[in-house]
Amino acid sequence: MAGAKILLVEDESITADDISEGLVELGYDVLAAVSTGEEAIKKAEDLSPDIIIMDIRLKGKMDGIEAAQEIRRRFGIPIIYLTAYSDESTVERAKITEPSGYILKGDSSFLSKPFDDSDLHTAIEITLYKHKMELRLIKNQQQMDNILRNVSDAIISTDSKRQVRLINSNAEDITGWLKEDAIGMDLMTVLDPISGQLGLLDTEDISMARPLEFSDELIRTKLGEKIKISGTLNPSKDLNGKIDGWVIVFNDL
């Protein structure tokens, strides 16, 4: 992404100058180069870079991992670690911050070294693309959540193992299950069918799944109340046409 705004966090001035020069030659806009974690957080807030290249070992009280953790939490900016240290404890600490990549100085564990401008360019472009896709996914999910909140039907979707992956507010109201409790639970636990066709789903071979329309289905809510529901149960498919779960749309009677 030509012209992307980059914040460089590197405590070795010569290395910082070399990297900055390479970034400019690649067409990026280096907003600033700082040497401490504290400065990195301040610049991230003030300058809103598209991406941050962060050395793990920095001067000052805060190392690069701590700074990255704070930046990710507050601003959600993608980060690439630049480091000469690949020991297991350092790598495990770094993974907690969910970095977008690593570029090691003097080590080939993650990327061929010594890294050159093409290595840096590739890492940046992949990171920016991944971040763009993540933002798009979040936006799509937010739009889907808005749609589900405004439909009158109760909706629950599951994966191929019948584990709930989505439940809207109307389904929460009917079943008594809140989203945070229902996600990951078996559909048969959330709906708890007492009689009728839904109970047959317990033994259904998903590869043979067919749409099902049901009415006057007796279920038990999380609080133990027995109620009747009517609706439809349909298998959902992935992009390859393979059945990957269920979608149930229903209302109470």
C-alpha atoms as a PDB file:
ATOM      1  CA  MET A   1       0.000   0.000   0.000  1.00  0.00           C
ATOM      2  CA  ALA A   2       2.043   2.913  -1.317  1.00  0.00           C
ATOM      3  CA  GLY A   3       2.037   5.956   0.908  1.00  0.00           C
ATOM      4  CA  ALA A   4       1.101   4.003   4.034  1.00  0.00           C
ATOM      5  CA  LYS A   5       1.971   5.879   7.218  1.00  0.00           C
ATOM      6  CA  ILE A   6       4.528   4.106   9.390  1.00  0.00           C
ATOM      7  CA  LEU A   7       5.777   4.677  12.926  1.00  0.00           C
ATOM      8  CA  LEU A   8       9.210   3.165  13.557  1.00  0.00           C
ATOM      9  CA  VAL A   9      10.226   2.231  17.096  1.00  0.00           C
ATOM     10  CA  GLU A  10      13.938   1.382  17.234  1.00  0.00           C
ATOM     11  CA  ASP A  11      16.486   2.317  19.890  1.00  0.00           C
ATOM     12  CA  GLU A  12      19.593   1.962  17.693  1.00  0.00           C
ATOM     13  CA  SER A  13      19.905   5.225  15.793  1.00  0.00           C
ATOM     14  CA  ILE A  14      21.964   3.842  12.911  1.00  0.00           C
ATOM     15  CA  THR A  15      19.523   0.970  12.407  1.00  0.00           C
ATOM     16  CA  ALA A  16      16.597   3.380  12.640  1.00  0.00           C
ATOM     17  CA  ASP A  17      18.125   5.616   9.971  1.00  0.00           C
ATOM     18  CA  ASP A  18      18.761   2.662   7.653  1.00  0.00           C
ATOM     19  CA  ILE A  19      15.243   1.313   8.039  1.00  0.00           C
ATOM     20  CA  SER A  20      13.667   4.741   7.615  1.00  0.00           C
ATOM     21  CA  GLU A  21      15.640   5.337   4.431  1.00  0.00           C
ATOM     22  CA  GLY A  22      14.568   1.969   3.046  1.00  0.00           C
ATOM     23  CA  LEU A  23      10.932   2.626   3.891  1.00  0.00           C
ATOM     24  CA  VAL A  24      10.974   5.990   2.138  1.00  0.00           C
ATOM     25  CA  GLU A  25      12.545   4.416  -0.950  1.00  0.00           C
ATOM     26  CA  LEU A  26       9.727   1.864  -0.948  1.00  0.00           C
ATOM     27  CA  GLY A  27       7.215   4.703  -1.056  1.00  0.00           C
ATOM     28  CA  TYR A  28       6.087   4.692   2.573  1.00  0.00           C
ATOM     29  CA  ASP A  29       5.605   7.756   4.740  1.00  0.00           C
ATOM     30  CA  VAL A  30       7.701   7.459   7.907  1.00  0.00           C
ATOM     31  CA  LEU A  31       5.840   9.669  10.361  1.00  0.00           C
ATOM     32  CA  ALA A  32       8.432   9.387  13.104  1.00  0.00           C
ATOM     33  CA  ALA A  33      11.184   7.209  14.523  1.00  0.00           C
ATOM     34  CA  VAL A  34      11.263   6.909  18.319  1.00  0.00           C
ATOM     35  CA  SER A  35      13.409   4.911  20.713  1.00  0.00           C
ATOM     36  CA  THR A  36      11.204   4.149  23.738  1.00  0.00           C
ATOM     37  CA  GLY A  37       7.915   2.402  24.376  1.00  0.00           C
ATOM     38  CA  GLU A  38       6.521   5.460  26.088  1.00  0.00           C
ATOM     39  CA  GLU A  39       7.251   7.609  23.035  1.00  0.00           C
ATOM     40  CA  ALA A  40       5.723   4.951  20.787  1.00  0.00           C
ATOM     41  CA  ILE A  41       2.406   5.074  22.635  1.00  0.00           C
ATOM     42  CA  LYS A  42       2.346   8.878  22.539  1.00  0.00           C
ATOM     43  CA  LYS A  43       3.151   9.005  18.812  1.00  0.00           C
ATOM     44  CA  ALA A  44       0.615   6.280  18.042  1.00  0.00           C
ATOM     45  CA  GLU A  45      -2.046   8.430  19.668  1.00  0.00           C
ATOM     46  CA  ASP A  46      -0.923  11.694  18.078  1.00  0.00           C
ATOM     47  CA  LEU A  47      -0.105  10.486  14.554  1.00  0.00           C
ATOM     48  CA  SER A  48      -2.471   7.518  13.964  1.00  0.00           C
ATOM     49  CA  PRO A  49      -0.056   5.494  11.803  1.00  0.00           C
ATOM     50  CA  ASP A  50      -1.312   2.724   9.519  1.00  0.00           C
ATOM     51  CA  ILE A  51       1.270   0.320  10.909  1.00  0.00           C
ATOM     52  CA  ILE A  52       4.044   0.249  13.516  1.00  0.00           C
ATOM     53  CA  ILE A  53       7.420  -1.450  13.212  1.00  0.00           C
ATOM     54  CA  MET A  54       8.491  -2.170  16.774  1.00  0.00           C
ATOM     55  CA  ASP A  55      11.811  -3.372  18.172  1.00  0.00           C
ATOM     56  CA  ILE A  56      11.235  -5.622  21.186  1.00  0.00           C
ATOM     57  CA  ARG A  57      14.255  -4.432  23.185  1.00  0.00           C
ATOM     58  CA  LEU A  58      13.970  -0.709  23.847  1.00  0.00           C
ATOM     59  CA  LYS A  59      15.421   1.915  26.123  1.00  0.00           C
ATOM     60  CA  GLY A  60      13.354   3.083  29.063  1.00  0.00           C
ATOM     61  CA  LYS A  61      11.108   1.282  31.526  1.00  0.00           C
ATOM     62  CA  MET A  62       8.821  -0.235  28.881  1.00  0.00           C
ATOM     63  CA  ASP A  63       9.986  -2.763  26.304  1.00  0.00           C
ATOM     64  CA  GLY A  64       8.481  -3.184  22.849  1.00  0.00           C
ATOM     65  CA  ILE A  65       6.131  -5.977  23.870  1.00  0.00           C
ATOM     66  CA  GLU A  66       4.597  -3.904  26.664  1.00  0.00           C
ATOM     67  CA  ALA A  67       4.269  -0.907  24.357  1.00  0.00           C
ATOM     68  CA  ALA A  68       2.696  -3.035  21.631  1.00  0.00           C
ATOM     69  CA  GLN A  69       0.188  -4.483  24.065  1.00  0.00           C
ATOM     70  CA  GLU A  70      -0.928  -1.014  25.134  1.00  0.00           C
ATOM     71  CA  ILE A  71      -1.085   0.252  21.540  1.00  0.00           C
ATOM     72  CA  ARG A  72      -3.124  -2.720  20.355  1.00  0.00           C
ATOM     73  CA  ARG A  73      -5.515  -2.341  23.281  1.00  0.00           C
ATOM     74  CA  ARG A  74      -6.054   1.388  22.857  1.00  0.00           C
ATOM     75  CA  PHE A  75      -5.733   1.969  19.130  1.00  0.00           C
ATOM     76  CA  GLY A  76      -5.896  -1.400  17.321  1.00  0.00           C
ATOM     77  CA  ILE A  77      -2.922  -0.521  15.105  1.00  0.00           C
ATOM     78  CA  PRO A  78      -1.181  -3.499  13.430  1.00  0.00           C
ATOM     79  CA  ILE A  79       2.376  -4.125  14.607  1.00  0.00           C
ATOM     80  CA  ILE A  80       5.400  -5.885  13.154  1.00  0.00           C
ATOM     81  CA  TYR A  81       8.117  -6.839  15.634  1.00  0.00           C
ATOM     82  CA  LEU A  82      11.709  -6.121  14.730  1.00  0.00           C
ATOM     83  CA  THR A  83      14.096  -8.013  16.983  1.00  0.00           C
ATOM     84  CA  ALA A  84      17.326  -9.928  17.320  1.00  0.00           C
ATOM     85  CA  TYR A  85      15.898 -12.035  20.136  1.00  0.00           C
ATOM     86  CA  SER A  86      14.114 -15.266  19.297  1.00  0.00           C
ATOM     87  CA  ASP A  87      14.320 -17.121  22.618  1.00  0.00           C
ATOM     88  CA  GLU A  88      11.162 -19.011  23.502  1.00  0.00           C
ATOM     89  CA  SER A  89      10.135 -16.831  26.438  1.00  0.00           C
ATOM     90  CA  THR A  90      10.417 -13.648  24.358  1.00  0.00           C
ATOM     91  CA  VAL A  91       8.455 -15.146  21.477  1.00  0.00           C
ATOM     92  CA  GLU A  92       5.709 -16.393  23.813  1.00  0.00           C
ATOM     93  CA  ARG A  93       5.418 -12.958  25.431  1.00  0.00           C
ATOM     94  CA  ALA A  94       5.228 -11.355  22.014  1.00  0.00           C
ATOM     95  CA  LYS A  95       2.484 -13.712  20.813  1.00  0.00           C
ATOM     96  CA  ILE A  96       0.178 -12.519  23.592  1.00  0.00           C
ATOM     97  CA  THR A  97      -0.007  -9.098  21.926  1.00  0.00           C
ATOM     98  CA  GLU A  98      -1.165 -10.705  18.649  1.00  0.00           C
ATOM     99  CA  PRO A  99       1.458  -9.058  16.444  1.00  0.00           C
ATOM    100  CA  SER A 100       1.047  -9.068  12.706  1.00  0.00           C
ATOM    101  CA  GLY A 101       4.508 -10.473  12.049  1.00  0.00           C
ATOM    102  CA  TYR A 102       8.140 -10.716  13.043  1.00  0.00           C
ATOM    103  CA  ILE A 103      11.333  -9.566  11.367  1.00  0.00           C
ATOM    104  CA  LEU A 104      14.395 -10.749  13.254  1.00  0.00           C
ATOM    105  CA  LYS A 105      17.690  -8.904  13.180  1.00  0.00           C
ATOM    106  CA  GLY A 106      20.498 -11.439  12.885  1.00  0.00           C
ATOM    107  CA  ASP A 107      18.297 -14.547  13.039  1.00  0.00           C
ATOM    108  CA  SER A 108      16.501 -16.648  10.442  1.00  0.00           C
ATOM    109  CA  SER A 109      13.891 -18.280  12.685  1.00  0.00           C
ATOM    110  CA  PHE A 110      11.060 -16.187  11.295  1.00  0.00           C
ATOM    111  CA  LEU A 111      12.417 -14.508   8.185  1.00  0.00           C
ATOM    112  CA  SER A 112      15.615 -14.911   6.188  1.00  0.00           C
ATOM    113  CA  LYS A 113      18.356 -12.696   7.530  1.00  0.00           C
ATOM    114  CA  PRO A 114      19.806 -10.257   7.276  1.00  0.00           C
ATOM    115  CA  PHE A 115      16.498  -8.883   6.059  1.00  0.00           C
ATOM    116  CA  ASP A 116      16.515  -6.513   3.129  1.00  0.00           C
ATOM    117  CA  ASP A 117      14.042  -3.976   1.818  1.00  0.00           C
ATOM    118  CA  SER A 118      12.087  -6.625  -0.079  1.00  0.00           C
ATOM    119  CA  ASP A 119      11.584  -8.619   3.147  1.00  0.00           C
ATOM    120  CA  LEU A 120      10.353  -5.504   4.887  1.00  0.00           C
ATOM    121  CA  HIS A 121       8.129  -4.541   1.977  1.00  0.00           C
ATOM    122  CA  THR A 122       6.519  -7.999   1.867  1.00  0.00           C
ATOM    123  CA  ALA A 123       5.905  -8.056   5.623  1.00  0.00           C
ATOM    124  CA  ILE A 124       4.319  -4.600   5.567  1.00  0.00           C
ATOM    125  CA  GLU A 125       2.068  -5.277   2.582  1.00  0.00           C
ATOM    126  CA  ILE A 126       0.826  -8.589   3.987  1.00  0.00           C
ATOM    127  CA  THR A 127       0.205  -6.994   7.373  1.00  0.00           C
ATOM    128  CA  LEU A 128      -1.700  -4.052   5.903  1.00  0.00           C
ATOM    129  CA  TYR A 129      -3.806  -6.373   3.752  1.00  0.00           C
ATOM    130  CA  LYS A 130      -4.634  -8.636   6.703  1.00  0.00           C
ATOM    131  CA  HIS A 131      -5.584  -5.620   8.804  1.00  0.00           C
ATOM    132  CA  LYS A 132      -7.824  -4.297   6.032  1.00  0.00           C
ATOM    133  CA  MET A 133      -9.591  -7.662   5.819  1.00  0.00           C
ATOM    134  CA  GLU A 134      -9.979  -7.796   9.603  1.00  0.00           C
ATOM    135  CA  LEU A 135     -11.588  -4.348   9.622  1.00  0.00           C
ATOM    136  CA  ARG A 136     -13.903  -5.369   6.792  1.00  0.00           C
ATOM    137  CA  LEU A 137     -14.883  -8.517   8.693  1.00  0.00           C
ATOM    138  CA  ILE A 138     -15.618  -6.483  11.821  1.00  0.00           C
ATOM    139  CA  LYS A 139     -17.741  -4.062   9.797  1.00  0.00           C
ATOM    140  CA  ASN A 140     -19.657  -6.926   8.181  1.00  0.00           C
ATOM    141  CA  GLN A 141     -20.228  -8.514  11.570  1.00  0.00           C
ATOM    142  CA  GLN A 142     -21.492  -5.224  12.969  1.00  0.00           C
ATOM    143  CA  GLN A 143     -23.885  -4.877  10.040  1.00  0.00           C
ATOM    144  CA  MET A 144     -25.090  -8.440  10.545  1.00  0.00           C
ATOM    145  CA  ASP A 145     -25.584  -7.805  14.262  1.00  0.00           C
ATOM    146  CA  ASN A 146     -27.657  -4.714  13.444  1.00  0.00           C
ATOM    147  CA  ILE A 147     -29.837  -6.718  11.052  1.00  0.00           C
ATOM    148  CA  LEU A 148     -30.351  -9.512  13.565  1.00  0.00           C
ATOM    149  CA  ARG A 149     -31.274  -7.057  16.301  1.00  0.00           C
ATOM    150  CA  ASN A 150     -33.984  -5.542  14.129  1.00  0.00           C
ATOM    151  CA  VAL A 151     -35.709  -8.641  12.761  1.00  0.00           C
ATOM    152  CA  SER A 152     -38.792  -9.904  14.558  1.00  0.00           C
ATOM    153  CA  ASP A 153     -37.791 -13.582  14.384  1.00  0.00           C
ATOM    154  CA  ALA A 154     -35.584 -15.446  16.813  1.00  0.00           C
ATOM    155  CA  ILE A 155     -32.455 -16.730  15.039  1.00  0.00           C
ATOM    156  CA  ILE A 156     -29.763 -19.187  16.099  1.00  0.00           C
ATOM    157  CA  SER A 157     -26.970 -20.529  13.877  1.00  0.00           C
ATOM    158  CA  THR A 158     -24.569 -23.351  14.670  1.00  0.00           C
ATOM    159  CA  ASP A 159     -21.472 -25.013  13.275  1.00  0.00           C
ATOM    160  CA  SER A 160     -21.396 -28.576  11.935  1.00  0.00           C
ATOM    161  CA  LYS A 161     -21.172 -29.946  15.478  1.00  0.00           C
ATOM    162  CA  ARG A 162     -24.335 -28.052  16.466  1.00  0.00           C
ATOM    163  CA  GLN A 163     -22.376 -25.627  18.644  1.00  0.00           C
ATOM    164  CA  VAL A 164     -24.039 -22.209  18.715  1.00  0.00           C
ATOM    165  CA  ARG A 165     -22.049 -19.523  16.917  1.00  0.00           C
ATOM    166  CA  LEU A 166     -24.755 -16.839  16.694  1.00  0.00           C
ATOM    167  CA  ILE A 167     -27.907 -16.026  18.660  1.00  0.00           C
ATOM    168  CA  ASN A 168     -29.928 -12.827  18.313  1.00  0.00           C
ATOM    169  CA  SER A 169     -31.734 -10.916  21.052  1.00  0.00           C
ATOM    170  CA  ASN A 170     -35.148 -12.398  20.255  1.00  0.00           C
ATOM    171  CA  ALA A 171     -33.745 -15.904  20.601  1.00  0.00           C
ATOM    172  CA  GLU A 172     -32.170 -14.839  23.895  1.00  0.00           C
ATOM    173  CA  ASP A 173     -35.559 -13.640  25.150  1.00  0.00           C
ATOM    174  CA  ILE A 174     -37.367 -16.846  24.181  1.00  0.00           C
ATOM    175  CA  THR A 175     -34.768 -19.379  25.358  1.00  0.00           C
ATOM    176  CA  GLY A 176     -33.495 -17.463  28.377  1.00  0.00           C
ATOM    177  CA  TRP A 177     -29.913 -17.948  27.166  1.00  0.00           C
ATOM    178  CA  LEU A 178     -27.712 -14.860  26.900  1.00  0.00           C
ATOM    179  CA  LYS A 179     -25.293 -14.648  23.981  1.00  0.00           C
ATOM    180  CA  GLU A 180     -22.192 -14.927  26.165  1.00  0.00           C
ATOM    181  CA  ASP A 181     -23.518 -18.141  27.718  1.00  0.00           C
ATOM    182  CA  ALA A 182     -25.001 -19.683  24.570  1.00  0.00           C
ATOM    183  CA  ILE A 183     -22.027 -19.303  22.210  1.00  0.00           C
ATOM    184  CA  GLY A 184     -20.232 -22.640  21.994  1.00  0.00           C
ATOM    185  CA  MET A 185     -23.078 -24.580  23.614  1.00  0.00           C
ATOM    186  CA  ASP A 186     -24.865 -27.458  21.886  1.00  0.00           C
ATOM    187  CA  LEU A 187     -28.060 -26.337  20.155  1.00  0.00           C
ATOM    188  CA  MET A 188     -29.932 -29.146  21.901  1.00  0.00           C
ATOM    189  CA  THR A 189     -28.875 -27.682  25.248  1.00  0.00           C
ATOM    190  CA  VAL A 190     -29.993 -24.161  24.348  1.00  0.00           C
ATOM    191  CA  LEU A 191     -33.326 -25.222  22.834  1.00  0.00           C
ATOM    192  CA  ASP A 192     -33.782 -28.306  25.037  1.00  0.00           C
ATOM    193  CA  PRO A 193     -36.588 -29.873  22.959  1.00  0.00           C
ATOM    194  CA  ILE A 194     -39.026 -31.949  25.002  1.00  0.00           C
ATOM    195  CA  SER A 195     -41.037 -33.416  22.159  1.00  0.00           C
ATOM    196  CA  GLY A 196     -41.431 -33.051  18.427  1.00  0.00           C
ATOM    197  CA  GLN A 197     -39.122 -33.030  15.422  1.00  0.00           C
ATOM    198  CA  LEU A 198     -36.261 -30.939  16.817  1.00  0.00           C
ATOM    199  CA  GLY A 199     -35.190 -33.806  19.041  1.00  0.00           C
ATOM    200  CA  LEU A 200     -34.405 -35.833  15.916  1.00  0.00           C
ATOM    201  CA  LEU A 201     -31.547 -33.428  15.174  1.00  0.00           C
ATOM    202  CA  ASP A 202     -29.626 -35.179  17.951  1.00  0.00           C
ATOM    203  CA  THR A 203     -29.028 -38.145  15.655  1.00  0.00           C
ATOM    204  CA  GLU A 204     -29.126 -36.329  12.295  1.00  0.00           C
ATOM    205  CA  ASP A 205     -26.225 -36.967   9.930  1.00  0.00           C
ATOM    206  CA  ILE A 206     -25.373 -33.426   8.859  1.00  0.00           C
ATOM    207  CA  SER A 207     -24.234 -34.593   5.428  1.00  0.00           C
ATOM    208  CA  MET A 208     -27.812 -35.798   4.858  1.00  0.00           C
ATOM    209  CA  ALA A 209     -29.432 -32.712   6.378  1.00  0.00           C
ATOM    210  CA  ARG A 210     -32.626 -31.376   4.849  1.00  0.00           C
ATOM    211  CA  PRO A 211     -34.724 -28.271   5.605  1.00  0.00           C
ATOM    212  CA  LEU A 212     -37.277 -28.808   8.344  1.00  0.00           C
ATOM    213  CA  GLU A 213     -40.441 -26.876   9.114  1.00  0.00           C
ATOM    214  CA  PHE A 214     -41.865 -27.377  12.593  1.00  0.00           C
ATOM    215  CA  SER A 215     -44.799 -26.105  14.639  1.00  0.00           C
ATOM    216  CA  ASP A 216     -46.033 -26.443  18.218  1.00  0.00           C
ATOM    217  CA  GLU A 217     -42.580 -27.702  19.217  1.00  0.00           C
ATOM    218  CA  LEU A 218     -42.315 -27.984  22.995  1.00  0.00           C
ATOM    219  CA  ILE A 219     -38.998 -26.774  24.459  1.00  0.00           C
ATOM    220  CA  ARG A 220     -37.693 -25.979  27.917  1.00  0.00           C
ATOM    221  CA  THR A 221     -36.107 -22.558  28.563  1.00  0.00           C
ATOM    222  CA  LYS A 222     -32.969 -22.076  30.620  1.00  0.00           C
ATOM    223  CA  LEU A 223     -35.179 -21.195  33.593  1.00  0.00           C
ATOM    224  CA  GLY A 224     -37.148 -24.407  33.182  1.00  0.00           C
ATOM    225  CA  GLU A 225     -40.294 -22.924  31.650  1.00  0.00           C
ATOM    226  CA  LYS A 226     -41.998 -25.052  28.997  1.00  0.00           C
ATOM    227  CA  ILE A 227     -43.032 -23.134  25.881  1.00  0.00           C
ATOM    228  CA  LYS A 228     -44.057 -23.892  22.303  1.00  0.00           C
ATOM    229  CA  ILE A 229     -42.235 -22.591  19.246  1.00  0.00           C
ATOM    230  CA  SER A 230     -42.741 -22.786  15.488  1.00  0.00           C
ATOM    231  CA  GLY A 231     -40.287 -22.091  12.706  1.00  0.00           C
ATOM    232  CA  THR A 232     -37.810 -23.531  10.223  1.00  0.00           C
ATOM    233  CA  LEU A 233     -34.502 -25.328  10.523  1.00  0.00           C
ATOM    234  CA  ASN A 234     -32.163 -25.198   7.529  1.00  0.00           C
ATOM    235  CA  PRO A 235     -28.650 -26.507   6.887  1.00  0.00           C
ATOM    236  CA  SER A 236     -26.132 -23.754   6.063  1.00  0.00           C
ATOM    237  CA  LYS A 237     -23.411 -24.186   3.460  1.00  0.00           C
ATOM    238  CA  ASP A 238     -19.884 -22.861   3.020  1.00  0.00           C
ATOM    239  CA  LEU A 239     -18.511 -21.317  -0.184  1.00  0.00           C
ATOM    240  CA  ASN A 240     -17.870 -24.793  -1.606  1.00  0.00           C
ATOM    241  CA  GLY A 241     -21.457 -25.883  -1.063  1.00  0.00           C
ATOM    242  CA  LYS A 242     -20.583 -28.171   1.839  1.00  0.00           C
ATOM    243  CA  ILE A 243     -23.006 -28.197   4.775  1.00  0.00           C
ATOM    244  CA  ASP A 244     -21.262 -26.523   7.694  1.00  0.00           C
ATOM    245  CA  GLY A 245     -24.026 -25.987  10.237  1.00  0.00           C
ATOM    246  CA  TRP A 246     -27.644 -25.123  10.941  1.00  0.00           C
ATOM    247  CA  VAL A 247     -29.782 -21.989  10.997  1.00  0.00           C
ATOM    248  CA  ILE A 248     -33.000 -22.070  12.994  1.00  0.00           C
ATOM    249  CA  VAL A 249     -35.558 -19.263  12.670  1.00  0.00           C
ATOM    250  CA  PHE A 250     -38.473 -19.424  15.086  1.00  0.00           C
ATOM    251  CA  ASN A 251     -41.078 -17.637  17.195  1.00  0.00           C
ATOM    252  CA  ASP A 252     -42.851 -18.525  20.402  1.00  0.00           C
ATOM    253  CA  LEU A 253     -46.574 -19.202  20.416  1.00  0.00           C
END
